[in-house]
Amino acid sequence: MGRVEKDNYVTPDAYAKFGVDTAISILNKKKAKDITFMEPGCGDFQPHLGFFKDRYPEAKMIGVDVRDVEPKQGEEVISGCDFLRTPEEAIFEAAGITGGVDLIVTNPPYSHALEFIFKSLVMLSKGGVAGFLLKLDFLGSKGRASLFSNTPFHSLCVSAGRPSFVNGSTDMHNYGYFFWKNGYLDKPTISWFTV
Protein backbone atom coordinates (compact mmCIF):
# COMPACT_ATOMS: atom_id res chain seq x y z
CA MET A 1 0.00 0.00 0.00
CA GLY A 2 1.47 3.37 -1.01
CA ARG A 3 1.33 6.57 1.01
CA VAL A 4 -1.85 8.61 1.01
CA GLU A 5 -1.35 12.26 0.06
CA LYS A 6 -0.67 14.49 3.14
CA ASP A 7 -1.02 11.43 5.43
CA ASN A 8 -4.80 11.82 5.13
CA TYR A 9 -5.84 8.50 6.66
CA VAL A 10 -9.49 8.79 7.67
CA THR A 11 -10.22 7.39 11.13
CA PRO A 12 -12.65 4.46 10.94
CA ASP A 13 -15.99 5.33 12.56
CA ALA A 14 -15.74 2.75 15.36
CA TYR A 15 -12.32 4.12 16.36
CA ALA A 16 -13.49 7.74 16.23
CA LYS A 17 -16.47 6.86 18.44
CA PHE A 18 -14.21 5.06 20.92
CA GLY A 19 -11.72 7.95 21.04
CA VAL A 20 -14.43 10.57 21.63
CA ASP A 21 -16.29 8.51 24.24
CA THR A 22 -13.09 7.77 26.16
CA ALA A 23 -11.93 11.40 26.08
CA ILE A 24 -15.34 12.53 27.38
CA SER A 25 -15.17 10.02 30.25
CA ILE A 26 -11.65 11.20 31.20
CA LEU A 27 -12.74 14.85 31.10
CA ASN A 28 -15.70 14.01 33.38
CA LYS A 29 -17.52 17.31 32.85
CA LYS A 30 -21.28 17.45 33.21
CA LYS A 31 -22.38 20.62 31.43
CA ALA A 32 -22.08 20.06 27.69
CA LYS A 33 -22.66 23.72 26.84
CA ASP A 34 -19.43 24.56 28.67
CA ILE A 35 -17.30 22.09 26.67
CA THR A 36 -15.15 23.10 23.70
CA PHE A 37 -14.03 20.33 21.34
CA MET A 38 -11.41 20.51 18.61
CA GLU A 39 -10.29 18.10 15.91
CA PRO A 40 -7.04 19.36 14.37
CA GLY A 41 -6.38 17.84 10.96
CA CYS A 42 -10.10 17.04 10.66
CA GLY A 43 -10.13 16.60 6.87
CA ASP A 44 -13.27 16.32 4.79
CA PHE A 45 -14.84 13.56 6.89
CA GLN A 46 -14.37 15.06 10.40
CA PRO A 47 -15.07 11.74 12.14
CA HIS A 48 -14.25 12.79 15.71
CA LEU A 49 -16.30 15.98 15.37
CA GLY A 50 -19.28 14.01 14.13
CA PHE A 51 -19.29 11.58 17.05
CA PHE A 52 -18.78 14.40 19.55
CA LYS A 53 -21.75 16.23 18.02
CA ASP A 54 -23.90 13.13 18.55
CA ARG A 55 -23.10 13.27 22.29
CA TYR A 56 -23.11 17.04 22.87
CA PRO A 57 -24.92 18.86 20.05
CA GLU A 58 -24.99 22.15 22.00
CA ALA A 59 -21.24 22.26 22.72
CA LYS A 60 -18.65 24.35 20.83
CA MET A 61 -17.06 22.21 18.08
CA ILE A 62 -14.14 23.31 15.94
CA GLY A 63 -12.31 21.49 13.18
CA VAL A 64 -8.97 22.72 11.84
CA ASP A 65 -7.39 21.62 8.58
CA VAL A 66 -4.64 22.90 6.31
CA ARG A 67 -6.77 22.07 3.27
CA ASP A 68 -9.99 23.81 2.25
CA VAL A 69 -12.73 21.62 3.70
CA GLU A 70 -16.46 22.10 4.08
CA PRO A 71 -17.97 21.95 7.58
CA LYS A 72 -20.61 19.34 8.34
CA GLN A 73 -23.85 20.21 10.15
CA GLY A 74 -23.29 22.28 13.29
CA GLU A 75 -19.51 22.20 13.28
CA GLU A 76 -17.24 25.14 12.70
CA VAL A 77 -14.20 24.45 10.53
CA ILE A 78 -11.19 26.73 10.30
CA SER A 79 -10.30 25.80 6.75
CA GLY A 80 -6.93 26.46 5.16
CA CYS A 81 -5.30 26.81 8.61
CA ASP A 82 -1.98 25.11 9.29
CA PHE A 83 -2.53 23.89 12.86
CA LEU A 84 1.19 23.49 13.54
CA ARG A 85 2.32 26.87 12.21
CA THR A 86 -0.58 29.09 13.25
CA PRO A 87 -0.17 30.61 16.73
CA GLU A 88 -2.59 29.27 19.34
CA GLU A 89 -3.97 32.77 19.93
CA ALA A 90 -4.88 33.11 16.25
CA ILE A 91 -6.72 29.76 16.30
CA PHE A 92 -8.52 30.71 19.53
CA GLU A 93 -9.53 34.04 18.03
CA ALA A 94 -10.75 32.49 14.76
CA ALA A 95 -12.79 29.93 16.74
CA GLY A 96 -14.04 32.35 19.39
CA ILE A 97 -12.43 30.40 22.24
CA THR A 98 -11.24 31.79 25.56
CA GLY A 99 -9.59 29.76 28.29
CA GLY A 100 -8.40 26.89 26.13
CA VAL A 101 -9.93 23.78 24.60
CA ASP A 102 -11.49 21.10 26.83
CA LEU A 103 -11.22 18.17 24.41
CA ILE A 104 -8.92 17.55 21.46
CA VAL A 105 -9.20 14.20 19.69
CA THR A 106 -7.50 13.43 16.39
CA ASN A 107 -5.63 10.97 14.23
CA PRO A 108 -2.61 13.14 13.38
CA PRO A 109 -0.26 12.62 10.45
CA TYR A 110 2.25 10.22 12.02
CA SER A 111 5.23 12.17 10.67
CA HIS A 112 4.02 15.21 12.65
CA ALA A 113 2.45 13.42 15.64
CA LEU A 114 4.89 14.81 18.20
CA GLU A 115 4.30 18.36 16.97
CA PHE A 116 0.52 17.83 17.09
CA ILE A 117 0.79 16.59 20.67
CA PHE A 118 2.95 19.48 21.88
CA LYS A 119 0.71 22.06 20.20
CA SER A 120 -2.48 20.43 21.52
CA LEU A 121 -1.20 20.20 25.10
CA VAL A 122 -0.46 23.94 25.09
CA MET A 123 -4.00 24.64 23.92
CA LEU A 124 -5.81 22.59 26.61
CA SER A 125 -7.89 24.20 29.31
CA LYS A 126 -7.25 23.34 32.96
CA GLY A 127 -8.08 19.63 33.28
CA GLY A 128 -8.58 19.41 29.49
CA VAL A 129 -8.01 16.12 27.65
CA ALA A 130 -6.21 15.40 24.37
CA GLY A 131 -6.39 12.03 22.62
CA PHE A 132 -4.38 10.80 19.63
CA LEU A 133 -4.79 7.64 17.59
CA LEU A 134 -1.19 6.54 16.99
CA LYS A 135 0.94 3.55 16.12
CA LEU A 136 2.19 1.83 19.27
CA ASP A 137 5.69 2.32 17.86
CA PHE A 138 5.28 5.89 19.12
CA LEU A 139 6.26 4.62 22.57
CA GLY A 140 9.76 3.59 21.47
CA SER A 141 11.95 6.57 20.68
CA LYS A 142 14.76 8.43 22.39
CA GLY A 143 13.42 11.62 20.86
CA ARG A 144 10.06 11.17 22.63
CA ALA A 145 11.41 9.96 25.97
CA SER A 146 11.43 13.50 27.39
CA LEU A 147 7.78 13.95 26.43
CA PHE A 148 6.78 10.84 28.38
CA SER A 149 9.01 11.78 31.35
CA ASN A 150 8.07 15.46 31.60
CA THR A 151 4.44 15.21 30.50
CA PRO A 152 3.18 11.72 31.28
CA PHE A 153 0.13 10.63 29.39
CA HIS A 154 -2.97 9.75 31.40
CA SER A 155 -3.79 6.49 29.66
CA LEU A 156 -3.10 4.32 26.66
CA CYS A 157 -5.96 2.30 25.18
CA VAL A 158 -4.52 -0.38 22.92
CA SER A 159 -6.63 -1.63 20.03
CA ALA A 160 -6.97 -5.41 20.07
CA GLY A 161 -7.34 -5.32 16.27
CA ARG A 162 -5.79 -3.25 13.53
CA PRO A 163 -7.80 -0.39 12.02
CA SER A 164 -8.47 -0.26 8.31
CA PHE A 165 -7.62 3.19 7.00
CA VAL A 166 -7.60 2.52 3.25
CA ASN A 167 -9.86 0.29 1.10
CA GLY A 168 -10.63 -2.21 3.87
CA SER A 169 -6.99 -3.22 4.35
CA THR A 170 -4.79 -2.94 7.41
CA ASP A 171 -1.09 -2.30 7.72
CA MET A 172 1.48 -4.16 9.84
CA HIS A 173 1.24 -1.75 12.79
CA ASN A 174 -0.67 -1.95 16.03
CA TYR A 175 -2.51 1.18 17.20
CA GLY A 176 -3.90 2.76 20.31
CA TYR A 177 -5.30 6.00 21.66
CA PHE A 178 -2.90 7.98 23.82
CA PHE A 179 -4.70 10.37 26.19
CA TRP A 180 -3.17 13.29 28.04
CA LYS A 181 -5.01 15.21 30.79
CA ASN A 182 -3.77 18.71 31.60
CA GLY A 183 -2.29 18.65 35.10
CA TYR A 184 -2.01 14.85 35.31
CA LEU A 185 1.35 13.79 36.75
CA ASP A 186 0.73 10.21 37.88
CA LYS A 187 1.67 6.99 36.07
CA PRO A 188 -0.32 6.14 32.96
CA THR A 189 -2.81 3.31 32.86
CA ILE A 190 -2.98 0.82 30.00
CA SER A 191 -6.08 -0.98 28.80
CA TRP A 192 -7.25 -2.78 25.67
CA PHE A 193 -10.33 -2.22 23.55
CA THR A 194 -12.14 -3.99 20.73
CA VAL A 195 -14.34 -2.19 18.21
C-alpha atoms as a PDB file:
ATOM      1  CA  MET A   1       0.000   0.000   0.000  1.00  0.00           C
ATOM      2  CA  GLY A   2       1.466   3.370  -1.015  1.00  0.00           C
ATOM      3  CA  ARG A   3       1.332   6.573   1.014  1.00  0.00           C
ATOM      4  CA  VAL A   4      -1.849   8.608   1.005  1.00  0.00           C
ATOM      5  CA  GLU A   5      -1.350  12.263   0.062  1.00  0.00           C
ATOM      6  CA  LYS A   6      -0.672  14.488   3.135  1.00  0.00           C
ATOM      7  CA  ASP A   7      -1.017  11.431   5.428  1.00  0.00           C
ATOM      8  CA  ASN A   8      -4.803  11.817   5.133  1.00  0.00           C
ATOM      9  CA  TYR A   9      -5.843   8.500   6.658  1.00  0.00           C
ATOM     10  CA  VAL A  10      -9.492   8.787   7.675  1.00  0.00           C
ATOM     11  CA  THR A  11     -10.218   7.391  11.133  1.00  0.00           C
ATOM     12  CA  PRO A  12     -12.653   4.457  10.939  1.00  0.00           C
ATOM     13  CA  ASP A  13     -15.991   5.328  12.562  1.00  0.00           C
ATOM     14  CA  ALA A  14     -15.740   2.752  15.362  1.00  0.00           C
ATOM     15  CA  TYR A  15     -12.321   4.123  16.355  1.00  0.00           C
ATOM     16  CA  ALA A  16     -13.492   7.744  16.232  1.00  0.00           C
ATOM     17  CA  LYS A  17     -16.465   6.858  18.435  1.00  0.00           C
ATOM     18  CA  PHE A  18     -14.212   5.056  20.920  1.00  0.00           C
ATOM     19  CA  GLY A  19     -11.723   7.951  21.037  1.00  0.00           C
ATOM     20  CA  VAL A  20     -14.426  10.568  21.626  1.00  0.00           C
ATOM     21  CA  ASP A  21     -16.294   8.506  24.245  1.00  0.00           C
ATOM     22  CA  THR A  22     -13.092   7.771  26.157  1.00  0.00           C
ATOM     23  CA  ALA A  23     -11.930  11.401  26.082  1.00  0.00           C
ATOM     24  CA  ILE A  24     -15.343  12.528  27.376  1.00  0.00           C
ATOM     25  CA  SER A  25     -15.166  10.022  30.255  1.00  0.00           C
ATOM     26  CA  ILE A  26     -11.650  11.197  31.202  1.00  0.00           C
ATOM     27  CA  LEU A  27     -12.743  14.847  31.101  1.00  0.00           C
ATOM     28  CA  ASN A  28     -15.697  14.013  33.380  1.00  0.00           C
ATOM     29  CA  LYS A  29     -17.523  17.314  32.851  1.00  0.00           C
ATOM     30  CA  LYS A  30     -21.279  17.445  33.211  1.00  0.00           C
ATOM     31  CA  LYS A  31     -22.383  20.621  31.433  1.00  0.00           C
ATOM     32  CA  ALA A  32     -22.083  20.060  27.692  1.00  0.00           C
ATOM     33  CA  LYS A  33     -22.661  23.717  26.837  1.00  0.00           C
ATOM     34  CA  ASP A  34     -19.427  24.560  28.666  1.00  0.00           C
ATOM     35  CA  ILE A  35     -17.301  22.092  26.666  1.00  0.00           C
ATOM     36  CA  THR A  36     -15.153  23.097  23.701  1.00  0.00           C
ATOM     37  CA  PHE A  37     -14.030  20.326  21.345  1.00  0.00           C
ATOM     38  CA  MET A  38     -11.407  20.514  18.610  1.00  0.00           C
ATOM     39  CA  GLU A  39     -10.293  18.102  15.911  1.00  0.00           C
ATOM     40  CA  PRO A  40      -7.040  19.361  14.365  1.00  0.00           C
ATOM     41  CA  GLY A  41      -6.381  17.836  10.955  1.00  0.00           C
ATOM     42  CA  CYS A  42     -10.097  17.040  10.658  1.00  0.00           C
ATOM     43  CA  GLY A  43     -10.127  16.597   6.874  1.00  0.00           C
ATOM     44  CA  ASP A  44     -13.271  16.321   4.792  1.00  0.00           C
ATOM     45  CA  PHE A  45     -14.837  13.558   6.894  1.00  0.00           C
ATOM     46  CA  GLN A  46     -14.372  15.059  10.398  1.00  0.00           C
ATOM     47  CA  PRO A  47     -15.070  11.736  12.138  1.00  0.00           C
ATOM     48  CA  HIS A  48     -14.246  12.791  15.708  1.00  0.00           C
ATOM     49  CA  LEU A  49     -16.302  15.980  15.369  1.00  0.00           C
ATOM     50  CA  GLY A  50     -19.281  14.010  14.125  1.00  0.00           C
ATOM     51  CA  PHE A  51     -19.287  11.583  17.046  1.00  0.00           C
ATOM     52  CA  PHE A  52     -18.778  14.397  19.546  1.00  0.00           C
ATOM     53  CA  LYS A  53     -21.748  16.230  18.016  1.00  0.00           C
ATOM     54  CA  ASP A  54     -23.896  13.127  18.546  1.00  0.00           C
ATOM     55  CA  ARG A  55     -23.100  13.271  22.291  1.00  0.00           C
ATOM     56  CA  TYR A  56     -23.115  17.038  22.872  1.00  0.00           C
ATOM     57  CA  PRO A  57     -24.919  18.862  20.053  1.00  0.00           C
ATOM     58  CA  GLU A  58     -24.991  22.147  21.996  1.00  0.00           C
ATOM     59  CA  ALA A  59     -21.239  22.258  22.716  1.00  0.00           C
ATOM     60  CA  LYS A  60     -18.653  24.353  20.833  1.00  0.00           C
ATOM     61  CA  MET A  61     -17.062  22.213  18.080  1.00  0.00           C
ATOM     62  CA  ILE A  62     -14.138  23.305  15.936  1.00  0.00           C
ATOM     63  CA  GLY A  63     -12.309  21.494  13.179  1.00  0.00           C
ATOM     64  CA  VAL A  64      -8.972  22.723  11.838  1.00  0.00           C
ATOM     65  CA  ASP A  65      -7.394  21.621   8.583  1.00  0.00           C
ATOM     66  CA  VAL A  66      -4.639  22.900   6.307  1.00  0.00           C
ATOM     67  CA  ARG A  67      -6.775  22.072   3.265  1.00  0.00           C
ATOM     68  CA  ASP A  68      -9.986  23.809   2.246  1.00  0.00           C
ATOM     69  CA  VAL A  69     -12.731  21.618   3.702  1.00  0.00           C
ATOM     70  CA  GLU A  70     -16.456  22.105   4.083  1.00  0.00           C
ATOM     71  CA  PRO A  71     -17.974  21.953   7.575  1.00  0.00           C
ATOM     72  CA  LYS A  72     -20.608  19.336   8.343  1.00  0.00           C
ATOM     73  CA  GLN A  73     -23.847  20.208  10.152  1.00  0.00           C
ATOM     74  CA  GLY A  74     -23.292  22.278  13.294  1.00  0.00           C
ATOM     75  CA  GLU A  75     -19.506  22.204  13.277  1.00  0.00           C
ATOM     76  CA  GLU A  76     -17.241  25.137  12.697  1.00  0.00           C
ATOM     77  CA  VAL A  77     -14.197  24.448  10.525  1.00  0.00           C
ATOM     78  CA  ILE A  78     -11.193  26.732  10.301  1.00  0.00           C
ATOM     79  CA  SER A  79     -10.302  25.804   6.754  1.00  0.00           C
ATOM     80  CA  GLY A  80      -6.931  26.465   5.163  1.00  0.00           C
ATOM     81  CA  CYS A  81      -5.303  26.815   8.607  1.00  0.00           C
ATOM     82  CA  ASP A  82      -1.977  25.112   9.291  1.00  0.00           C
ATOM     83  CA  PHE A  83      -2.530  23.894  12.860  1.00  0.00           C
ATOM     84  CA  LEU A  84       1.188  23.494  13.535  1.00  0.00           C
ATOM     85  CA  ARG A  85       2.316  26.873  12.205  1.00  0.00           C
ATOM     86  CA  THR A  86      -0.584  29.093  13.248  1.00  0.00           C
ATOM     87  CA  PRO A  87      -0.170  30.613  16.729  1.00  0.00           C
ATOM     88  CA  GLU A  88      -2.588  29.266  19.341  1.00  0.00           C
ATOM     89  CA  GLU A  89      -3.970  32.765  19.930  1.00  0.00           C
ATOM     90  CA  ALA A  90      -4.884  33.113  16.249  1.00  0.00           C
ATOM     91  CA  ILE A  91      -6.722  29.755  16.299  1.00  0.00           C
ATOM     92  CA  PHE A  92      -8.523  30.708  19.526  1.00  0.00           C
ATOM     93  CA  GLU A  93      -9.533  34.042  18.026  1.00  0.00           C
ATOM     94  CA  ALA A  94     -10.750  32.487  14.758  1.00  0.00           C
ATOM     95  CA  ALA A  95     -12.789  29.930  16.736  1.00  0.00           C
ATOM     96  CA  GLY A  96     -14.041  32.349  19.386  1.00  0.00           C
ATOM     97  CA  ILE A  97     -12.427  30.403  22.238  1.00  0.00           C
ATOM     98  CA  THR A  98     -11.244  31.793  25.562  1.00  0.00           C
ATOM     99  CA  GLY A  99      -9.586  29.763  28.286  1.00  0.00           C
ATOM    100  CA  GLY A 100      -8.397  26.890  26.130  1.00  0.00           C
ATOM    101  CA  VAL A 101      -9.935  23.776  24.604  1.00  0.00           C
ATOM    102  CA  ASP A 102     -11.490  21.102  26.832  1.00  0.00           C
ATOM    103  CA  LEU A 103     -11.215  18.171  24.413  1.00  0.00           C
ATOM    104  CA  ILE A 104      -8.924  17.554  21.464  1.00  0.00           C
ATOM    105  CA  VAL A 105      -9.196  14.202  19.691  1.00  0.00           C
ATOM    106  CA  THR A 106      -7.500  13.430  16.389  1.00  0.00           C
ATOM    107  CA  ASN A 107      -5.630  10.967  14.227  1.00  0.00           C
ATOM    108  CA  PRO A 108      -2.607  13.139  13.384  1.00  0.00           C
ATOM    109  CA  PRO A 109      -0.261  12.616  10.446  1.00  0.00           C
ATOM    110  CA  TYR A 110       2.248  10.221  12.018  1.00  0.00           C
ATOM    111  CA  SER A 111       5.234  12.170  10.672  1.00  0.00           C
ATOM    112  CA  HIS A 112       4.019  15.211  12.655  1.00  0.00           C
ATOM    113  CA  ALA A 113       2.451  13.423  15.639  1.00  0.00           C
ATOM    114  CA  LEU A 114       4.892  14.808  18.205  1.00  0.00           C
ATOM    115  CA  GLU A 115       4.296  18.356  16.968  1.00  0.00           C
ATOM    116  CA  PHE A 116       0.516  17.826  17.093  1.00  0.00           C
ATOM    117  CA  ILE A 117       0.789  16.586  20.670  1.00  0.00           C
ATOM    118  CA  PHE A 118       2.955  19.482  21.883  1.00  0.00           C
ATOM    119  CA  LYS A 119       0.709  22.061  20.201  1.00  0.00           C
ATOM    120  CA  SER A 120      -2.476  20.427  21.520  1.00  0.00           C
ATOM    121  CA  LEU A 121      -1.197  20.196  25.097  1.00  0.00           C
ATOM    122  CA  VAL A 122      -0.456  23.939  25.094  1.00  0.00           C
ATOM    123  CA  MET A 123      -4.005  24.640  23.916  1.00  0.00           C
ATOM    124  CA  LEU A 124      -5.809  22.588  26.608  1.00  0.00           C
ATOM    125  CA  SER A 125      -7.895  24.202  29.314  1.00  0.00           C
ATOM    126  CA  LYS A 126      -7.247  23.339  32.960  1.00  0.00           C
ATOM    127  CA  GLY A 127      -8.083  19.633  33.277  1.00  0.00           C
ATOM    128  CA  GLY A 128      -8.584  19.408  29.495  1.00  0.00           C
ATOM    129  CA  VAL A 129      -8.008  16.124  27.653  1.00  0.00           C
ATOM    130  CA  ALA A 130      -6.208  15.397  24.373  1.00  0.00           C
ATOM    131  CA  GLY A 131      -6.390  12.031  22.624  1.00  0.00           C
ATOM    132  CA  PHE A 132      -4.384  10.803  19.633  1.00  0.00           C
ATOM    133  CA  LEU A 133      -4.788   7.639  17.590  1.00  0.00           C
ATOM    134  CA  LEU A 134      -1.193   6.536  16.986  1.00  0.00           C
ATOM    135  CA  LYS A 135       0.941   3.547  16.117  1.00  0.00           C
ATOM    136  CA  LEU A 136       2.186   1.832  19.270  1.00  0.00           C
ATOM    137  CA  ASP A 137       5.693   2.321  17.863  1.00  0.00           C
ATOM    138  CA  PHE A 138       5.275   5.886  19.119  1.00  0.00           C
ATOM    139  CA  LEU A 139       6.264   4.617  22.566  1.00  0.00           C
ATOM    140  CA  GLY A 140       9.758   3.591  21.468  1.00  0.00           C
ATOM    141  CA  SER A 141      11.945   6.569  20.677  1.00  0.00           C
ATOM    142  CA  LYS A 142      14.764   8.427  22.390  1.00  0.00           C
ATOM    143  CA  GLY A 143      13.418  11.616  20.862  1.00  0.00           C
ATOM    144  CA  ARG A 144      10.063  11.175  22.625  1.00  0.00           C
ATOM    145  CA  ALA A 145      11.413   9.963  25.974  1.00  0.00           C
ATOM    146  CA  SER A 146      11.433  13.495  27.391  1.00  0.00           C
ATOM    147  CA  LEU A 147       7.775  13.953  26.434  1.00  0.00           C
ATOM    148  CA  PHE A 148       6.781  10.842  28.377  1.00  0.00           C
ATOM    149  CA  SER A 149       9.010  11.776  31.348  1.00  0.00           C
ATOM    150  CA  ASN A 150       8.075  15.459  31.602  1.00  0.00           C
ATOM    151  CA  THR A 151       4.440  15.207  30.499  1.00  0.00           C
ATOM    152  CA  PRO A 152       3.180  11.716  31.280  1.00  0.00           C
ATOM    153  CA  PHE A 153       0.130  10.630  29.391  1.00  0.00           C
ATOM    154  CA  HIS A 154      -2.968   9.752  31.397  1.00  0.00           C
ATOM    155  CA  SER A 155      -3.790   6.494  29.657  1.00  0.00           C
ATOM    156  CA  LEU A 156      -3.097   4.321  26.664  1.00  0.00           C
ATOM    157  CA  CYS A 157      -5.956   2.305  25.184  1.00  0.00           C
ATOM    158  CA  VAL A 158      -4.520  -0.379  22.924  1.00  0.00           C
ATOM    159  CA  SER A 159      -6.631  -1.628  20.028  1.00  0.00           C
ATOM    160  CA  ALA A 160      -6.971  -5.410  20.068  1.00  0.00           C
ATOM    161  CA  GLY A 161      -7.343  -5.317  16.272  1.00  0.00           C
ATOM    162  CA  ARG A 162      -5.791  -3.247  13.528  1.00  0.00           C
ATOM    163  CA  PRO A 163      -7.804  -0.389  12.023  1.00  0.00           C
ATOM    164  CA  SER A 164      -8.468  -0.263   8.311  1.00  0.00           C
ATOM    165  CA  PHE A 165      -7.619   3.193   7.003  1.00  0.00           C
ATOM    166  CA  VAL A 166      -7.603   2.523   3.245  1.00  0.00           C
ATOM    167  CA  ASN A 167      -9.859   0.292   1.102  1.00  0.00           C
ATOM    168  CA  GLY A 168     -10.631  -2.214   3.866  1.00  0.00           C
ATOM    169  CA  SER A 169      -6.995  -3.220   4.354  1.00  0.00           C
ATOM    170  CA  THR A 170      -4.790  -2.944   7.408  1.00  0.00           C
ATOM    171  CA  ASP A 171      -1.086  -2.304   7.720  1.00  0.00           C
ATOM    172  CA  MET A 172       1.479  -4.156   9.837  1.00  0.00           C
ATOM    173  CA  HIS A 173       1.240  -1.750  12.788  1.00  0.00           C
ATOM    174  CA  ASN A 174      -0.673  -1.950  16.025  1.00  0.00           C
ATOM    175  CA  TYR A 175      -2.512   1.176  17.205  1.00  0.00           C
ATOM    176  CA  GLY A 176      -3.897   2.759  20.312  1.00  0.00           C
ATOM    177  CA  TYR A 177      -5.304   5.999  21.659  1.00  0.00           C
ATOM    178  CA  PHE A 178      -2.897   7.981  23.821  1.00  0.00           C
ATOM    179  CA  PHE A 179      -4.700  10.375  26.190  1.00  0.00           C
ATOM    180  CA  TRP A 180      -3.169  13.293  28.041  1.00  0.00           C
ATOM    181  CA  LYS A 181      -5.012  15.213  30.789  1.00  0.00           C
ATOM    182  CA  ASN A 182      -3.772  18.707  31.602  1.00  0.00           C
ATOM    183  CA  GLY A 183      -2.285  18.647  35.105  1.00  0.00           C
ATOM    184  CA  TYR A 184      -2.009  14.846  35.305  1.00  0.00           C
ATOM    185  CA  LEU A 185       1.354  13.788  36.754  1.00  0.00           C
ATOM    186  CA  ASP A 186       0.733  10.205  37.882  1.00  0.00           C
ATOM    187  CA  LYS A 187       1.674   6.990  36.070  1.00  0.00           C
ATOM    188  CA  PRO A 188      -0.322   6.138  32.956  1.00  0.00           C
ATOM    189  CA  THR A 189      -2.814   3.309  32.858  1.00  0.00           C
ATOM    190  CA  ILE A 190      -2.980   0.816  30.004  1.00  0.00           C
ATOM    191  CA  SER A 191      -6.083  -0.976  28.798  1.00  0.00           C
ATOM    192  CA  TRP A 192      -7.251  -2.779  25.670  1.00  0.00           C
ATOM    193  CA  PHE A 193     -10.330  -2.224  23.548  1.00  0.00           C
ATOM    194  CA  THR A 194     -12.139  -3.987  20.729  1.00  0.00           C
ATOM    195  CA  VAL A 195     -14.342  -2.195  18.208  1.00  0.00           C
END
